[in-house]
Amino acid sequence: MNFTRTLIPTIALALAGTVLPGVAHAGAWQRHHPARTEINHRIRHQERRITQERREGDLTRGQAQALRAQDRAVLKQERADARADHNRGHLNRAQARTLNQELNANSHAIGH
């Protein structure tokens, strides 16, 4: 009985040591890293602008769909960049710059 009381906690600690490094890595993945927050905010803002321009008749349905598809592609790339193991949920400067350039081009296509 005494052997079981000491064996179970020992096994639990040993297993935790093999599992915790992965958990620590998952915890380091930051959904709300400042560069990611900026990119995601810009995408949401552009979505509102597209909707507004569509309502006002400044964009056709096809144009609005194309602009949204471009923003979704940027979002997909942002997520892929952040999920890369070496980034740990962050975007490096080059990645953020590239994503912002793509959003700038789409913003100009939206107008106003």
PDB file of N, CA and C in Angstrom:
ATOM      1  N   MET A   1       0.819  -1.177   0.000  1.00  0.00           N
ATOM      2  CA  MET A   1       0.000   0.000   0.000  1.00  0.00           C
ATOM      3  C   MET A   1       0.875   1.258   0.000  1.00  0.00           C
ATOM      4  N   ASN A   2       1.868   1.293   0.841  1.00  0.00           N
ATOM      5  CA  ASN A   2       2.769   2.418   0.914  1.00  0.00           C
ATOM      6  C   ASN A   2       3.531   2.593  -0.405  1.00  0.00           C
ATOM      7  N   PHE A   3       3.882   1.471  -1.029  1.00  0.00           N
ATOM      8  CA  PHE A   3       4.574   1.474  -2.301  1.00  0.00           C
ATOM      9  C   PHE A   3       3.704   2.148  -3.377  1.00  0.00           C
ATOM     10  N   THR A   4       2.407   1.874  -3.383  1.00  0.00           N
ATOM     11  CA  THR A   4       1.479   2.448  -4.363  1.00  0.00           C
ATOM     12  C   THR A   4       1.355   3.954  -4.166  1.00  0.00           C
ATOM     13  N   ARG A   5       1.341   4.414  -2.940  1.00  0.00           N
ATOM     14  CA  ARG A   5       1.229   5.851  -2.665  1.00  0.00           C
ATOM     15  C   ARG A   5       2.432   6.622  -3.190  1.00  0.00           C
ATOM     16  N   THR A   6       3.576   6.032  -3.169  1.00  0.00           N
ATOM     17  CA  THR A   6       4.756   6.731  -3.667  1.00  0.00           C
ATOM     18  C   THR A   6       4.961   6.499  -5.154  1.00  0.00           C
ATOM     19  N   LEU A   7       4.533   5.366  -5.657  1.00  0.00           N
ATOM     20  CA  LEU A   7       4.729   5.042  -7.068  1.00  0.00           C
ATOM     21  C   LEU A   7       3.849   5.890  -7.981  1.00  0.00           C
ATOM     22  N   ILE A   8       2.598   6.070  -7.631  1.00  0.00           N
ATOM     23  CA  ILE A   8       1.672   6.821  -8.490  1.00  0.00           C
ATOM     24  C   ILE A   8       2.115   8.281  -8.648  1.00  0.00           C
ATOM     25  N   PRO A   9       2.432   8.992  -7.567  1.00  0.00           N
ATOM     26  CA  PRO A   9       2.908  10.373  -7.764  1.00  0.00           C
ATOM     27  C   PRO A   9       4.210  10.436  -8.561  1.00  0.00           C
ATOM     28  N   THR A  10       5.079   9.450  -8.377  1.00  0.00           N
ATOM     29  CA  THR A  10       6.336   9.430  -9.121  1.00  0.00           C
ATOM     30  C   THR A  10       6.073   9.249 -10.604  1.00  0.00           C
ATOM     31  N   ILE A  11       5.180   8.344 -10.958  1.00  0.00           N
ATOM     32  CA  ILE A  11       4.835   8.122 -12.362  1.00  0.00           C
ATOM     33  C   ILE A  11       4.161   9.374 -12.931  1.00  0.00           C
ATOM     34  N   ALA A  12       3.285   9.971 -12.156  1.00  0.00           N
ATOM     35  CA  ALA A  12       2.599  11.178 -12.609  1.00  0.00           C
ATOM     36  C   ALA A  12       3.594  12.302 -12.898  1.00  0.00           C
ATOM     37  N   LEU A  13       4.583  12.467 -12.035  1.00  0.00           N
ATOM     38  CA  LEU A  13       5.603  13.495 -12.266  1.00  0.00           C
ATOM     39  C   LEU A  13       6.439  13.191 -13.494  1.00  0.00           C
ATOM     40  N   ALA A  14       6.759  11.928 -13.680  1.00  0.00           N
ATOM     41  CA  ALA A  14       7.551  11.531 -14.852  1.00  0.00           C
ATOM     42  C   ALA A  14       6.769  11.806 -16.129  1.00  0.00           C
ATOM     43  N   LEU A  15       5.497  11.473 -16.134  1.00  0.00           N
ATOM     44  CA  LEU A  15       4.673  11.731 -17.310  1.00  0.00           C
ATOM     45  C   LEU A  15       4.483  13.218 -17.536  1.00  0.00           C
ATOM     46  N   ALA A  16       4.319  13.970 -16.475  1.00  0.00           N
ATOM     47  CA  ALA A  16       4.165  15.417 -16.607  1.00  0.00           C
ATOM     48  C   ALA A  16       5.406  16.036 -17.236  1.00  0.00           C
ATOM     49  N   GLY A  17       6.545  15.503 -16.915  1.00  0.00           N
ATOM     50  CA  GLY A  17       7.780  16.013 -17.497  1.00  0.00           C
ATOM     51  C   GLY A  17       7.843  15.793 -18.996  1.00  0.00           C
ATOM     52  N   THR A  18       7.227  14.745 -19.475  1.00  0.00           N
ATOM     53  CA  THR A  18       7.234  14.502 -20.919  1.00  0.00           C
ATOM     54  C   THR A  18       6.127  15.273 -21.620  1.00  0.00           C
ATOM     55  N   VAL A  19       5.072  15.602 -20.918  1.00  0.00           N
ATOM     56  CA  VAL A  19       3.947  16.302 -21.528  1.00  0.00           C
ATOM     57  C   VAL A  19       4.092  17.819 -21.403  1.00  0.00           C
ATOM     58  N   LEU A  20       4.595  18.296 -20.303  1.00  0.00           N
ATOM     59  CA  LEU A  20       4.638  19.730 -20.050  1.00  0.00           C
ATOM     60  C   LEU A  20       5.436  20.548 -21.059  1.00  0.00           C
ATOM     61  N   PRO A  21       6.546  20.050 -21.607  1.00  0.00           N
ATOM     62  CA  PRO A  21       7.211  20.879 -22.612  1.00  0.00           C
ATOM     63  C   PRO A  21       6.298  21.205 -23.788  1.00  0.00           C
ATOM     64  N   GLY A  22       5.473  20.258 -24.223  1.00  0.00           N
ATOM     65  CA  GLY A  22       4.528  20.522 -25.296  1.00  0.00           C
ATOM     66  C   GLY A  22       3.466  21.505 -24.871  1.00  0.00           C
ATOM     67  N   VAL A  23       3.041  21.410 -23.634  1.00  0.00           N
ATOM     68  CA  VAL A  23       2.041  22.338 -23.125  1.00  0.00           C
ATOM     69  C   VAL A  23       2.629  23.741 -23.049  1.00  0.00           C
ATOM     70  N   ALA A  24       3.860  23.840 -22.614  1.00  0.00           N
ATOM     71  CA  ALA A  24       4.507  25.146 -22.537  1.00  0.00           C
ATOM     72  C   ALA A  24       4.607  25.763 -23.926  1.00  0.00           C
ATOM     73  N   HIS A  25       4.897  24.933 -24.932  1.00  0.00           N
ATOM     74  CA  HIS A  25       4.981  25.435 -26.300  1.00  0.00           C
ATOM     75  C   HIS A  25       3.615  25.926 -26.766  1.00  0.00           C
ATOM     76  N   ALA A  26       2.565  25.159 -26.457  1.00  0.00           N
ATOM     77  CA  ALA A  26       1.214  25.562 -26.857  1.00  0.00           C
ATOM     78  C   ALA A  26       0.815  26.858 -26.165  1.00  0.00           C
ATOM     79  N   GLY A  27       1.216  27.020 -24.920  1.00  0.00           N
ATOM     80  CA  GLY A  27       0.895  28.242 -24.205  1.00  0.00           C
ATOM     81  C   GLY A  27       1.641  29.440 -24.763  1.00  0.00           C
ATOM     82  N   ALA A  28       2.789  29.194 -25.376  1.00  0.00           N
ATOM     83  CA  ALA A  28       3.574  30.280 -25.935  1.00  0.00           C
ATOM     84  C   ALA A  28       2.966  30.791 -27.250  1.00  0.00           C
ATOM     85  N   TRP A  29       2.098  30.003 -27.860  1.00  0.00           N
ATOM     86  CA  TRP A  29       1.441  30.417 -29.101  1.00  0.00           C
ATOM     87  C   TRP A  29       0.455  31.506 -28.758  1.00  0.00           C
ATOM     88  N   GLN A  30       0.714  32.699 -29.196  1.00  0.00           N
ATOM     89  CA  GLN A  30      -0.080  33.853 -28.781  1.00  0.00           C
ATOM     90  C   GLN A  30      -1.021  34.312 -29.889  1.00  0.00           C
ATOM     91  N   ARG A  31      -2.276  34.148 -29.630  1.00  0.00           N
ATOM     92  CA  ARG A  31      -3.277  34.584 -30.589  1.00  0.00           C
ATOM     93  C   ARG A  31      -3.321  36.105 -30.673  1.00  0.00           C
ATOM     94  N   HIS A  32      -3.006  36.782 -29.586  1.00  0.00           N
ATOM     95  CA  HIS A  32      -3.157  38.227 -29.532  1.00  0.00           C
ATOM     96  C   HIS A  32      -1.816  38.956 -29.474  1.00  0.00           C
ATOM     97  N   HIS A  33      -0.857  38.470 -30.212  1.00  0.00           N
ATOM     98  CA  HIS A  33       0.420  39.163 -30.334  1.00  0.00           C
ATOM     99  C   HIS A  33       0.163  40.507 -31.027  1.00  0.00           C
ATOM    100  N   PRO A  34       0.856  41.580 -30.654  1.00  0.00           N
ATOM    101  CA  PRO A  34       0.562  42.905 -31.207  1.00  0.00           C
ATOM    102  C   PRO A  34       0.525  42.976 -32.740  1.00  0.00           C
ATOM    103  N   ALA A  35       1.463  42.347 -33.417  1.00  0.00           N
ATOM    104  CA  ALA A  35       1.455  42.394 -34.884  1.00  0.00           C
ATOM    105  C   ALA A  35       0.243  41.649 -35.435  1.00  0.00           C
ATOM    106  N   ARG A  36      -0.097  40.544 -34.809  1.00  0.00           N
ATOM    107  CA  ARG A  36      -1.270  39.777 -35.246  1.00  0.00           C
ATOM    108  C   ARG A  36      -2.540  40.567 -34.987  1.00  0.00           C
ATOM    109  N   THR A  37      -2.609  41.232 -33.849  1.00  0.00           N
ATOM    110  CA  THR A  37      -3.783  42.031 -33.512  1.00  0.00           C
ATOM    111  C   THR A  37      -3.974  43.140 -34.539  1.00  0.00           C
ATOM    112  N   GLU A  38      -2.890  43.783 -34.931  1.00  0.00           N
ATOM    113  CA  GLU A  38      -2.969  44.856 -35.922  1.00  0.00           C
ATOM    114  C   GLU A  38      -3.489  44.323 -37.258  1.00  0.00           C
ATOM    115  N   ILE A  39      -2.937  43.228 -37.720  1.00  0.00           N
ATOM    116  CA  ILE A  39      -3.353  42.643 -39.001  1.00  0.00           C
ATOM    117  C   ILE A  39      -4.832  42.271 -38.948  1.00  0.00           C
ATOM    118  N   ASN A  40      -5.233  41.586 -37.893  1.00  0.00           N
ATOM    119  CA  ASN A  40      -6.623  41.154 -37.779  1.00  0.00           C
ATOM    120  C   ASN A  40      -7.582  42.342 -37.662  1.00  0.00           C
ATOM    121  N   HIS A  41      -7.164  43.386 -36.973  1.00  0.00           N
ATOM    122  CA  HIS A  41      -7.983  44.594 -36.879  1.00  0.00           C
ATOM    123  C   HIS A  41      -8.167  45.221 -38.262  1.00  0.00           C
ATOM    124  N   ARG A  42      -7.096  45.288 -39.022  1.00  0.00           N
ATOM    125  CA  ARG A  42      -7.175  45.871 -40.366  1.00  0.00           C
ATOM    126  C   ARG A  42      -8.101  45.057 -41.261  1.00  0.00           C
ATOM    127  N   ILE A  43      -8.043  43.742 -41.147  1.00  0.00           N
ATOM    128  CA  ILE A  43      -8.914  42.891 -41.960  1.00  0.00           C
ATOM    129  C   ILE A  43     -10.378  43.149 -41.606  1.00  0.00           C
ATOM    130  N   ARG A  44     -10.690  43.215 -40.309  1.00  0.00           N
ATOM    131  CA  ARG A  44     -12.072  43.497 -39.893  1.00  0.00           C
ATOM    132  C   ARG A  44     -12.523  44.872 -40.389  1.00  0.00           C
ATOM    133  N   HIS A  45     -11.628  45.852 -40.287  1.00  0.00           N
ATOM    134  CA  HIS A  45     -11.956  47.205 -40.746  1.00  0.00           C
ATOM    135  C   HIS A  45     -12.231  47.212 -42.247  1.00  0.00           C
ATOM    136  N   GLN A  46     -11.406  46.519 -42.998  1.00  0.00           N
ATOM    137  CA  GLN A  46     -11.592  46.468 -44.446  1.00  0.00           C
ATOM    138  C   GLN A  46     -12.889  45.749 -44.808  1.00  0.00           C
ATOM    139  N   GLU A  47     -13.261  44.741 -44.038  1.00  0.00           N
ATOM    140  CA  GLU A  47     -14.530  44.054 -44.279  1.00  0.00           C
ATOM    141  C   GLU A  47     -15.697  45.036 -44.126  1.00  0.00           C
ATOM    142  N   ARG A  48     -15.641  45.873 -43.099  1.00  0.00           N
ATOM    143  CA  ARG A  48     -16.691  46.877 -42.898  1.00  0.00           C
ATOM    144  C   ARG A  48     -16.714  47.884 -44.045  1.00  0.00           C
ATOM    145  N   ARG A  49     -15.530  48.262 -44.501  1.00  0.00           N
ATOM    146  CA  ARG A  49     -15.450  49.211 -45.620  1.00  0.00           C
ATOM    147  C   ARG A  49     -16.019  48.608 -46.901  1.00  0.00           C
ATOM    148  N   ILE A  50     -15.711  47.346 -47.143  1.00  0.00           N
ATOM    149  CA  ILE A  50     -16.239  46.672 -48.336  1.00  0.00           C
ATOM    150  C   ILE A  50     -17.768  46.641 -48.278  1.00  0.00           C
ATOM    151  N   THR A  51     -18.302  46.284 -47.113  1.00  0.00           N
ATOM    152  CA  THR A  51     -19.750  46.245 -46.943  1.00  0.00           C
ATOM    153  C   THR A  51     -20.357  47.622 -47.185  1.00  0.00           C
ATOM    154  N   GLN A  52     -19.741  48.654 -46.645  1.00  0.00           N
ATOM    155  CA  GLN A  52     -20.228  50.030 -46.821  1.00  0.00           C
ATOM    156  C   GLN A  52     -20.196  50.436 -48.293  1.00  0.00           C
ATOM    157  N   GLU A  53     -19.091  50.180 -48.954  1.00  0.00           N
ATOM    158  CA  GLU A  53     -18.952  50.545 -50.368  1.00  0.00           C
ATOM    159  C   GLU A  53     -19.949  49.767 -51.231  1.00  0.00           C
ATOM    160  N   ARG A  54     -20.203  48.538 -50.868  1.00  0.00           N
ATOM    161  CA  ARG A  54     -21.178  47.714 -51.599  1.00  0.00           C
ATOM    162  C   ARG A  54     -22.577  48.294 -51.421  1.00  0.00           C
ATOM    163  N   ARG A  55     -22.931  48.677 -50.200  1.00  0.00           N
ATOM    164  CA  ARG A  55     -24.246  49.275 -49.936  1.00  0.00           C
ATOM    165  C   ARG A  55     -24.449  50.575 -50.701  1.00  0.00           C
ATOM    166  N   GLU A  56     -23.370  51.351 -50.788  1.00  0.00           N
ATOM    167  CA  GLU A  56     -23.451  52.639 -51.480  1.00  0.00           C
ATOM    168  C   GLU A  56     -23.427  52.483 -52.992  1.00  0.00           C
ATOM    169  N   GLY A  57     -23.163  51.277 -53.456  1.00  0.00           N
ATOM    170  CA  GLY A  57     -23.133  51.038 -54.895  1.00  0.00           C
ATOM    171  C   GLY A  57     -21.807  51.351 -55.548  1.00  0.00           C
ATOM    172  N   ASP A  58     -20.778  51.611 -54.746  1.00  0.00           N
ATOM    173  CA  ASP A  58     -19.459  51.923 -55.297  1.00  0.00           C
ATOM    174  C   ASP A  58     -18.692  50.674 -55.715  1.00  0.00           C
ATOM    175  N   LEU A  59     -19.118  49.517 -55.220  1.00  0.00           N
ATOM    176  CA  LEU A  59     -18.504  48.237 -55.602  1.00  0.00           C
ATOM    177  C   LEU A  59     -19.591  47.313 -56.122  1.00  0.00           C
ATOM    178  N   THR A  60     -19.261  46.567 -57.152  1.00  0.00           N
ATOM    179  CA  THR A  60     -20.185  45.545 -57.618  1.00  0.00           C
ATOM    180  C   THR A  60     -20.078  44.340 -56.699  1.00  0.00           C
ATOM    181  N   ARG A  61     -21.013  43.437 -56.838  1.00  0.00           N
ATOM    182  CA  ARG A  61     -20.984  42.216 -56.030  1.00  0.00           C
ATOM    183  C   ARG A  61     -19.691  41.432 -56.280  1.00  0.00           C
ATOM    184  N   GLY A  62     -19.311  41.322 -57.532  1.00  0.00           N
ATOM    185  CA  GLY A  62     -18.083  40.605 -57.887  1.00  0.00           C
ATOM    186  C   GLY A  62     -16.833  41.256 -57.320  1.00  0.00           C
ATOM    187  N   GLN A  63     -16.796  42.582 -57.373  1.00  0.00           N
ATOM    188  CA  GLN A  63     -15.649  43.300 -56.802  1.00  0.00           C
ATOM    189  C   GLN A  63     -15.565  43.055 -55.300  1.00  0.00           C
ATOM    190  N   ALA A  64     -16.710  43.140 -54.628  1.00  0.00           N
ATOM    191  CA  ALA A  64     -16.735  42.918 -53.183  1.00  0.00           C
ATOM    192  C   ALA A  64     -16.277  41.503 -52.851  1.00  0.00           C
ATOM    193  N   GLN A  65     -16.730  40.529 -53.605  1.00  0.00           N
ATOM    194  CA  GLN A  65     -16.322  39.144 -53.366  1.00  0.00           C
ATOM    195  C   GLN A  65     -14.819  38.968 -53.569  1.00  0.00           C
ATOM    196  N   ALA A  66     -14.285  39.597 -54.606  1.00  0.00           N
ATOM    197  CA  ALA A  66     -12.850  39.489 -54.874  1.00  0.00           C
ATOM    198  C   ALA A  66     -12.027  40.133 -53.758  1.00  0.00           C
ATOM    199  N   LEU A  67     -12.471  41.289 -53.285  1.00  0.00           N
ATOM    200  CA  LEU A  67     -11.764  41.984 -52.207  1.00  0.00           C
ATOM    201  C   LEU A  67     -11.803  41.159 -50.916  1.00  0.00           C
ATOM    202  N   ARG A  68     -12.950  40.577 -50.622  1.00  0.00           N
ATOM    203  CA  ARG A  68     -13.055  39.728 -49.435  1.00  0.00           C
ATOM    204  C   ARG A  68     -12.162  38.504 -49.559  1.00  0.00           C
ATOM    205  N   ALA A  69     -12.093  37.940 -50.746  1.00  0.00           N
ATOM    206  CA  ALA A  69     -11.231  36.772 -50.965  1.00  0.00           C
ATOM    207  C   ALA A  69      -9.765  37.145 -50.737  1.00  0.00           C
ATOM    208  N   GLN A  70      -9.373  38.331 -51.159  1.00  0.00           N
ATOM    209  CA  GLN A  70      -7.996  38.777 -50.939  1.00  0.00           C
ATOM    210  C   GLN A  70      -7.718  38.943 -49.449  1.00  0.00           C
ATOM    211  N   ASP A  71      -8.674  39.520 -48.728  1.00  0.00           N
ATOM    212  CA  ASP A  71      -8.497  39.670 -47.281  1.00  0.00           C
ATOM    213  C   ASP A  71      -8.441  38.309 -46.592  1.00  0.00           C
ATOM    214  N   ARG A  72      -9.255  37.357 -47.031  1.00  0.00           N
ATOM    215  CA  ARG A  72      -9.207  36.006 -46.451  1.00  0.00           C
ATOM    216  C   ARG A  72      -7.860  35.348 -46.717  1.00  0.00           C
ATOM    217  N   ALA A  73      -7.295  35.601 -47.889  1.00  0.00           N
ATOM    218  CA  ALA A  73      -5.980  35.045 -48.199  1.00  0.00           C
ATOM    219  C   ALA A  73      -4.915  35.621 -47.266  1.00  0.00           C
ATOM    220  N   VAL A  74      -5.017  36.905 -46.972  1.00  0.00           N
ATOM    221  CA  VAL A  74      -4.077  37.539 -46.030  1.00  0.00           C
ATOM    222  C   VAL A  74      -4.259  36.920 -44.647  1.00  0.00           C
ATOM    223  N   LEU A  75      -5.499  36.745 -44.226  1.00  0.00           N
ATOM    224  CA  LEU A  75      -5.776  36.139 -42.925  1.00  0.00           C
ATOM    225  C   LEU A  75      -5.216  34.723 -42.850  1.00  0.00           C
ATOM    226  N   LYS A  76      -5.401  33.967 -43.900  1.00  0.00           N
ATOM    227  CA  LYS A  76      -4.879  32.597 -43.945  1.00  0.00           C
ATOM    228  C   LYS A  76      -3.353  32.595 -43.836  1.00  0.00           C
ATOM    229  N   GLN A  77      -2.704  33.512 -44.539  1.00  0.00           N
ATOM    230  CA  GLN A  77      -1.245  33.596 -44.473  1.00  0.00           C
ATOM    231  C   GLN A  77      -0.785  34.038 -43.086  1.00  0.00           C
ATOM    232  N   GLU A  78      -1.507  34.972 -42.481  1.00  0.00           N
ATOM    233  CA  GLU A  78      -1.162  35.442 -41.128  1.00  0.00           C
ATOM    234  C   GLU A  78      -1.199  34.274 -40.149  1.00  0.00           C
ATOM    235  N   ARG A  79      -2.232  33.471 -40.241  1.00  0.00           N
ATOM    236  CA  ARG A  79      -2.356  32.321 -39.340  1.00  0.00           C
ATOM    237  C   ARG A  79      -1.256  31.298 -39.601  1.00  0.00           C
ATOM    238  N   ALA A  80      -0.957  31.060 -40.862  1.00  0.00           N
ATOM    239  CA  ALA A  80       0.106  30.098 -41.187  1.00  0.00           C
ATOM    240  C   ALA A  80       1.459  30.590 -40.688  1.00  0.00           C
ATOM    241  N   ASP A  81       1.734  31.871 -40.875  1.00  0.00           N
ATOM    242  CA  ASP A  81       3.005  32.443 -40.401  1.00  0.00           C
ATOM    243  C   ASP A  81       3.117  32.319 -38.886  1.00  0.00           C
ATOM    244  N   ALA A  82       2.040  32.634 -38.183  1.00  0.00           N
ATOM    245  CA  ALA A  82       2.071  32.603 -36.723  1.00  0.00           C
ATOM    246  C   ALA A  82       2.166  31.183 -36.184  1.00  0.00           C
ATOM    247  N   ARG A  83       1.601  30.231 -36.899  1.00  0.00           N
ATOM    248  CA  ARG A  83       1.615  28.849 -36.418  1.00  0.00           C
ATOM    249  C   ARG A  83       2.943  28.141 -36.679  1.00  0.00           C
ATOM    250  N   ALA A  84       3.789  28.732 -37.473  1.00  0.00           N
ATOM    251  CA  ALA A  84       5.089  28.121 -37.728  1.00  0.00           C
ATOM    252  C   ALA A  84       5.802  27.915 -36.389  1.00  0.00           C
ATOM    253  N   ASP A  85       6.392  26.744 -36.202  1.00  0.00           N
ATOM    254  CA  ASP A  85       7.009  26.396 -34.920  1.00  0.00           C
ATOM    255  C   ASP A  85       8.011  27.435 -34.439  1.00  0.00           C
ATOM    256  N   HIS A  86       8.799  27.970 -35.327  1.00  0.00           N
ATOM    257  CA  HIS A  86       9.837  28.901 -34.890  1.00  0.00           C
ATOM    258  C   HIS A  86       9.264  30.261 -34.486  1.00  0.00           C
ATOM    259  N   ASN A  87       8.014  30.560 -34.833  1.00  0.00           N
ATOM    260  CA  ASN A  87       7.434  31.859 -34.498  1.00  0.00           C
ATOM    261  C   ASN A  87       6.701  31.880 -33.164  1.00  0.00           C
ATOM    262  N   ARG A  88       6.239  30.743 -32.721  1.00  0.00           N
ATOM    263  CA  ARG A  88       5.531  30.633 -31.435  1.00  0.00           C
ATOM    264  C   ARG A  88       4.383  31.625 -31.298  1.00  0.00           C
ATOM    265  N   GLY A  89       3.614  31.777 -32.372  1.00  0.00           N
ATOM    266  CA  GLY A  89       2.446  32.643 -32.318  1.00  0.00           C
ATOM    267  C   GLY A  89       2.716  34.090 -32.660  1.00  0.00           C
ATOM    268  N   HIS A  90       3.934  34.408 -32.998  1.00  0.00           N
ATOM    269  CA  HIS A  90       4.301  35.776 -33.330  1.00  0.00           C
ATOM    270  C   HIS A  90       4.437  35.916 -34.839  1.00  0.00           C
ATOM    271  N   LEU A  91       4.430  37.145 -35.288  1.00  0.00           N
ATOM    272  CA  LEU A  91       4.821  37.468 -36.652  1.00  0.00           C
ATOM    273  C   LEU A  91       6.134  38.225 -36.556  1.00  0.00           C
ATOM    274  N   ASN A  92       7.092  37.858 -37.387  1.00  0.00           N
ATOM    275  CA  ASN A  92       8.319  38.652 -37.382  1.00  0.00           C
ATOM    276  C   ASN A  92       8.092  39.903 -38.225  1.00  0.00           C
ATOM    277  N   ARG A  93       9.034  40.804 -38.212  1.00  0.00           N
ATOM    278  CA  ARG A  93       8.856  42.090 -38.903  1.00  0.00           C
ATOM    279  C   ARG A  93       8.631  41.922 -40.394  1.00  0.00           C
ATOM    280  N   ALA A  94       9.376  41.027 -41.002  1.00  0.00           N
ATOM    281  CA  ALA A  94       9.233  40.823 -42.445  1.00  0.00           C
ATOM    282  C   ALA A  94       7.847  40.283 -42.788  1.00  0.00           C
ATOM    283  N   GLN A  95       7.367  39.353 -41.993  1.00  0.00           N
ATOM    284  CA  GLN A  95       6.034  38.798 -42.238  1.00  0.00           C
ATOM    285  C   GLN A  95       4.964  39.872 -42.058  1.00  0.00           C
ATOM    286  N   ALA A  96       5.052  40.640 -40.990  1.00  0.00           N
ATOM    287  CA  ALA A  96       4.075  41.696 -40.743  1.00  0.00           C
ATOM    288  C   ALA A  96       4.123  42.744 -41.855  1.00  0.00           C
ATOM    289  N   ARG A  97       5.312  43.093 -42.315  1.00  0.00           N
ATOM    290  CA  ARG A  97       5.459  44.073 -43.392  1.00  0.00           C
ATOM    291  C   ARG A  97       4.803  43.567 -44.676  1.00  0.00           C
ATOM    292  N   THR A  98       5.041  42.302 -45.014  1.00  0.00           N
ATOM    293  CA  THR A  98       4.456  41.722 -46.219  1.00  0.00           C
ATOM    294  C   THR A  98       2.935  41.698 -46.140  1.00  0.00           C
ATOM    295  N   LEU A  99       2.407  41.269 -44.994  1.00  0.00           N
ATOM    296  CA  LEU A  99       0.956  41.222 -44.820  1.00  0.00           C
ATOM    297  C   LEU A  99       0.351  42.623 -44.896  1.00  0.00           C
ATOM    298  N   ASN A 100       1.012  43.596 -44.275  1.00  0.00           N
ATOM    299  CA  ASN A 100       0.515  44.969 -44.330  1.00  0.00           C
ATOM    300  C   ASN A 100       0.554  45.528 -45.752  1.00  0.00           C
ATOM    301  N   GLN A 101       1.564  45.191 -46.525  1.00  0.00           N
ATOM    302  CA  GLN A 101       1.632  45.640 -47.917  1.00  0.00           C
ATOM    303  C   GLN A 101       0.469  45.064 -48.725  1.00  0.00           C
ATOM    304  N   GLU A 102       0.151  43.791 -48.472  1.00  0.00           N
ATOM    305  CA  GLU A 102      -0.982  43.175 -49.163  1.00  0.00           C
ATOM    306  C   GLU A 102      -2.291  43.844 -48.753  1.00  0.00           C
ATOM    307  N   LEU A 103      -2.428  44.157 -47.470  1.00  0.00           N
ATOM    308  CA  LEU A 103      -3.623  44.852 -47.005  1.00  0.00           C
ATOM    309  C   LEU A 103      -3.696  46.270 -47.556  1.00  0.00           C
ATOM    310  N   ASN A 104      -2.550  46.933 -47.707  1.00  0.00           N
ATOM    311  CA  ASN A 104      -2.525  48.278 -48.285  1.00  0.00           C
ATOM    312  C   ASN A 104      -3.047  48.251 -49.721  1.00  0.00           C
ATOM    313  N   ALA A 105      -2.597  47.275 -50.487  1.00  0.00           N
ATOM    314  CA  ALA A 105      -3.048  47.166 -51.877  1.00  0.00           C
ATOM    315  C   ALA A 105      -4.552  46.933 -51.927  1.00  0.00           C
ATOM    316  N   ASN A 106      -5.046  46.073 -51.058  1.00  0.00           N
ATOM    317  CA  ASN A 106      -6.475  45.795 -51.033  1.00  0.00           C
ATOM    318  C   ASN A 106      -7.251  47.023 -50.564  1.00  0.00           C
ATOM    319  N   SER A 107      -6.697  47.767 -49.610  1.00  0.00           N
ATOM    320  CA  SER A 107      -7.348  48.971 -49.118  1.00  0.00           C
ATOM    321  C   SER A 107      -7.514  49.994 -50.237  1.00  0.00           C
ATOM    322  N   HIS A 108      -6.493  50.160 -51.048  1.00  0.00           N
ATOM    323  CA  HIS A 108      -6.564  51.103 -52.162  1.00  0.00           C
ATOM    324  C   HIS A 108      -7.615  50.651 -53.177  1.00  0.00           C
ATOM    325  N   ALA A 109      -7.747  49.344 -53.364  1.00  0.00           N
ATOM    326  CA  ALA A 109      -8.745  48.831 -54.299  1.00  0.00           C
ATOM    327  C   ALA A 109     -10.170  49.044 -53.773  1.00  0.00           C
ATOM    328  N   ILE A 110     -10.328  49.078 -52.444  1.00  0.00           N
ATOM    329  CA  ILE A 110     -11.650  49.327 -51.872  1.00  0.00           C
ATOM    330  C   ILE A 110     -12.087  50.753 -52.153  1.00  0.00           C
ATOM    331  N   GLY A 111     -11.149  51.674 -52.038  1.00  0.00           N
ATOM    332  CA  GLY A 111     -11.469  53.076 -52.285  1.00  0.00           C
ATOM    333  C   GLY A 111     -11.633  53.856 -51.000  1.00  0.00           C
ATOM    334  N   HIS A 112     -11.966  55.114 -51.175  1.00  0.00           N
ATOM    335  CA  HIS A 112     -12.141  56.088 -50.083  1.00  0.00           C
ATOM    336  C   HIS A 112     -10.988  56.015 -49.155  1.00  0.00           C
TER     337      HIS A 112
END
